[in-house]
Amino acid sequence: MNAAAVRQMVVTALTGATDAGSSVYSPRDWSTSADMYPALLVQTPFEQKKSLGRNTPAFTTITTVRITGRVQEYDGDTTDDGAMKAELALEALRDQVERAVINSYELTRKIQKYAEVRSTINVDADGEAHMGQLLLEIDIEHYQGPEDFYPVQAVPLEGIDIAIVVPDGTPQPGISLNLQE
């Protein structure tokens, strides 16, 4: 399993399981528009591998899945409550994302553990509406072994030449095998 497979399983777990519905994108350009909100953007920007020993490609791998959630809320007709609505929507989205990913059977059965979860919420009122953004990072620990790195790219063996070193003046014994079909 690699980072792309982890990311795809997270996208599958999130699609339809949050207020974002089917607005779960990965990979894609990060620019979004108001008609897409709420939306989730998923990427795997970091990966760290720790070797499990010598002479074999086996690793405990931590893949960081970054989920960016975006919402847009307007102030009410009589109250300036757009920022509050955006923050509440982001808090609800954070809970939904955590539950969807952590409770995903397909993901949980293929990983070792959820090593760490970090999140931040930011609300900005620079435009007409209040834009809210959730940044949630989940460190997912999984095993990568030889099966994840094969087939090894090698130069095909075309032949073998065997020669025996003997004293000068002695006939040179040897054989040449051509392995081409």
Protein backbone atom coordinates (compact mmCIF):
# COMPACT_ATOMS: atom_id res chain seq x y z
CA MET A 1 0.00 0.00 0.00
CA ASN A 2 1.29 3.48 -0.84
CA ALA A 3 0.25 7.10 -0.22
CA ALA A 4 -2.00 7.19 -3.29
CA ALA A 5 -3.91 4.11 -2.08
CA VAL A 6 -4.34 5.63 1.40
CA ARG A 7 -5.57 8.90 -0.13
CA GLN A 8 -8.09 7.09 -2.34
CA MET A 9 -9.46 5.11 0.61
CA VAL A 10 -9.89 8.36 2.56
CA VAL A 11 -11.73 9.95 -0.40
CA THR A 12 -14.02 6.93 -0.61
CA ALA A 13 -14.70 7.07 3.14
CA LEU A 14 -15.57 10.79 2.98
CA THR A 15 -17.75 10.79 -0.14
CA GLY A 16 -21.36 11.06 0.95
CA ALA A 17 -20.51 10.78 4.67
CA THR A 18 -20.29 14.51 5.52
CA ASP A 19 -22.13 17.76 4.83
CA ALA A 20 -19.87 18.09 1.77
CA GLY A 21 -21.75 15.16 0.17
CA SER A 22 -20.02 14.28 -3.10
CA SER A 23 -17.90 17.46 -3.12
CA VAL A 24 -14.75 15.55 -2.15
CA TYR A 25 -11.87 16.28 -4.49
CA SER A 26 -8.45 14.72 -4.87
CA PRO A 27 -6.26 15.47 -6.63
CA ARG A 28 -7.42 18.77 -8.10
CA ASP A 29 -6.58 22.44 -8.23
CA TRP A 30 -7.16 24.07 -4.86
CA SER A 31 -9.22 26.96 -6.15
CA THR A 32 -12.90 26.53 -5.31
CA SER A 33 -16.05 28.55 -5.92
CA ALA A 34 -19.11 29.34 -3.82
CA ASP A 35 -21.33 26.80 -5.60
CA MET A 36 -19.03 23.99 -4.41
CA TYR A 37 -19.32 24.66 -0.66
CA PRO A 38 -19.07 22.87 1.61
CA ALA A 39 -16.19 21.04 -0.05
CA LEU A 40 -13.38 18.74 1.02
CA LEU A 41 -9.96 18.64 -0.64
CA VAL A 42 -7.76 15.62 0.14
CA GLN A 43 -4.01 15.23 -0.39
CA THR A 44 -1.08 13.29 1.04
CA PRO A 45 1.74 15.84 1.30
CA PHE A 46 4.04 13.97 3.71
CA GLU A 47 5.27 10.43 4.06
CA GLN A 48 7.93 9.04 6.38
CA LYS A 49 9.36 5.52 6.26
CA LYS A 50 11.29 3.79 9.06
CA SER A 51 13.20 0.67 8.10
CA LEU A 52 12.39 -2.59 9.86
CA GLY A 53 15.84 -4.03 9.29
CA ARG A 54 18.60 -4.73 6.84
CA ASN A 55 18.55 -6.53 3.51
CA THR A 56 14.83 -6.29 2.84
CA PRO A 57 12.60 -3.40 1.77
CA ALA A 58 10.28 -3.37 4.79
CA PHE A 59 9.08 -0.18 6.45
CA THR A 60 6.73 1.21 9.03
CA THR A 61 5.33 4.11 7.02
CA ILE A 62 3.48 7.19 8.27
CA THR A 63 1.39 8.87 5.58
CA THR A 64 -0.03 12.27 6.47
CA VAL A 65 -3.44 12.79 4.91
CA ARG A 66 -4.38 16.47 4.75
CA ILE A 67 -8.10 17.19 4.45
CA THR A 68 -9.04 20.79 3.77
CA GLY A 69 -12.68 21.66 4.35
CA ARG A 70 -14.17 24.89 3.05
CA VAL A 71 -17.48 26.54 3.89
CA GLN A 72 -19.08 29.89 3.13
CA GLU A 73 -21.69 31.59 5.32
CA TYR A 74 -23.47 34.94 5.03
CA ASP A 75 -24.65 37.21 7.82
CA GLY A 76 -28.34 37.02 8.64
CA ASP A 77 -30.82 39.72 7.63
CA THR A 78 -30.83 41.25 11.10
CA THR A 79 -27.71 39.83 12.78
CA ASP A 80 -24.01 39.65 12.03
CA ASP A 81 -23.77 35.93 12.66
CA GLY A 82 -21.97 34.72 9.51
CA ALA A 83 -18.68 34.07 11.34
CA MET A 84 -20.48 32.09 14.04
CA LYS A 85 -22.36 30.02 11.44
CA ALA A 86 -19.11 29.36 9.56
CA GLU A 87 -17.32 28.26 12.74
CA LEU A 88 -20.18 25.97 13.75
CA ALA A 89 -20.30 24.47 10.24
CA LEU A 90 -16.54 23.82 10.38
CA GLU A 91 -16.77 22.19 13.81
CA ALA A 92 -19.54 19.91 12.57
CA LEU A 93 -17.55 19.13 9.41
CA ARG A 94 -14.46 18.29 11.49
CA ASP A 95 -16.45 15.80 13.58
CA GLN A 96 -18.00 14.24 10.47
CA VAL A 97 -14.61 13.90 8.73
CA GLU A 98 -12.98 12.31 11.78
CA ARG A 99 -15.84 9.82 12.18
CA ALA A 100 -15.95 8.97 8.47
CA VAL A 101 -12.22 8.29 8.22
CA ILE A 102 -11.67 6.58 11.57
CA ASN A 103 -14.76 4.38 11.17
CA SER A 104 -13.90 3.37 7.60
CA TYR A 105 -13.67 -0.43 7.64
CA GLU A 106 -11.76 -0.57 4.33
CA LEU A 107 -9.11 1.81 5.63
CA THR A 108 -8.88 0.51 9.20
CA ARG A 109 -8.38 -3.10 8.14
CA LYS A 110 -5.40 -2.19 5.94
CA ILE A 111 -3.49 0.10 8.30
CA GLN A 112 -1.74 -0.36 11.64
CA LYS A 113 -3.10 2.71 13.45
CA TYR A 114 -4.11 6.33 13.32
CA ALA A 115 -0.96 7.78 14.87
CA GLU A 116 -2.11 11.37 15.31
CA VAL A 117 -4.90 13.77 14.33
CA ARG A 118 -4.38 17.55 14.16
CA SER A 119 -6.85 20.22 13.12
CA THR A 120 -7.19 23.97 12.87
CA ILE A 121 -10.15 26.16 12.00
CA ASN A 122 -9.93 29.61 10.42
CA VAL A 123 -12.74 32.02 9.56
CA ASP A 124 -12.12 35.06 7.36
CA ALA A 125 -14.55 37.93 6.75
CA ASP A 126 -12.60 39.83 4.08
CA GLY A 127 -15.24 39.41 1.37
CA GLU A 128 -19.01 39.59 1.15
CA ALA A 129 -19.36 36.26 2.94
CA HIS A 130 -17.51 34.62 5.80
CA MET A 131 -15.11 32.02 4.41
CA GLY A 132 -14.23 29.20 6.74
CA GLN A 133 -11.46 26.68 6.33
CA LEU A 134 -10.75 23.51 8.24
CA LEU A 135 -7.29 21.98 8.01
CA LEU A 136 -7.28 18.43 9.37
CA GLU A 137 -4.22 16.19 9.20
CA ILE A 138 -4.32 12.50 10.04
CA ASP A 139 -1.08 10.55 10.39
CA ILE A 140 -1.84 7.01 9.23
CA GLU A 141 0.68 4.29 10.07
CA HIS A 142 0.88 1.30 7.75
CA TYR A 143 3.29 -1.42 6.71
CA GLN A 144 5.15 -1.47 3.41
CA GLY A 145 7.00 -4.65 2.60
CA PRO A 146 8.74 -6.27 -0.35
CA GLU A 147 5.41 -6.82 -2.10
CA ASP A 148 5.01 -3.03 -2.36
CA PHE A 149 8.31 -2.58 -4.18
CA TYR A 150 8.33 -5.50 -6.65
CA PRO A 151 8.80 -6.20 -9.47
CA VAL A 152 12.39 -5.03 -9.32
CA GLN A 153 13.53 -3.57 -12.62
CA ALA A 154 16.56 -5.59 -13.71
CA VAL A 155 18.58 -6.16 -16.85
CA PRO A 156 17.59 -9.54 -18.31
CA LEU A 157 20.26 -12.24 -18.20
CA GLU A 158 21.26 -12.99 -21.78
CA GLY A 159 24.11 -15.41 -21.22
CA ILE A 160 26.79 -16.83 -18.94
CA ASP A 161 30.51 -17.25 -19.67
CA ILE A 162 32.44 -19.58 -17.36
CA ALA A 163 36.24 -19.80 -17.51
CA ILE A 164 38.70 -21.54 -15.21
CA VAL A 165 42.07 -19.94 -14.55
CA VAL A 166 44.86 -22.46 -15.19
CA PRO A 167 48.67 -22.20 -15.54
CA ASP A 168 50.14 -20.91 -18.80
CA GLY A 169 50.45 -23.54 -21.52
CA THR A 170 47.48 -25.54 -20.26
CA PRO A 171 44.30 -25.70 -22.37
CA GLN A 172 41.66 -23.19 -21.15
CA PRO A 173 38.53 -25.10 -20.08
CA GLY A 174 35.28 -23.11 -20.12
CA ILE A 175 31.77 -22.84 -21.42
CA SER A 176 29.61 -20.10 -22.86
CA LEU A 177 25.82 -20.35 -22.46
CA ASN A 178 23.51 -18.24 -24.59
CA LEU A 179 20.18 -17.79 -22.77
CA GLN A 180 18.31 -15.92 -25.50
CA GLU A 181 15.27 -17.66 -26.88
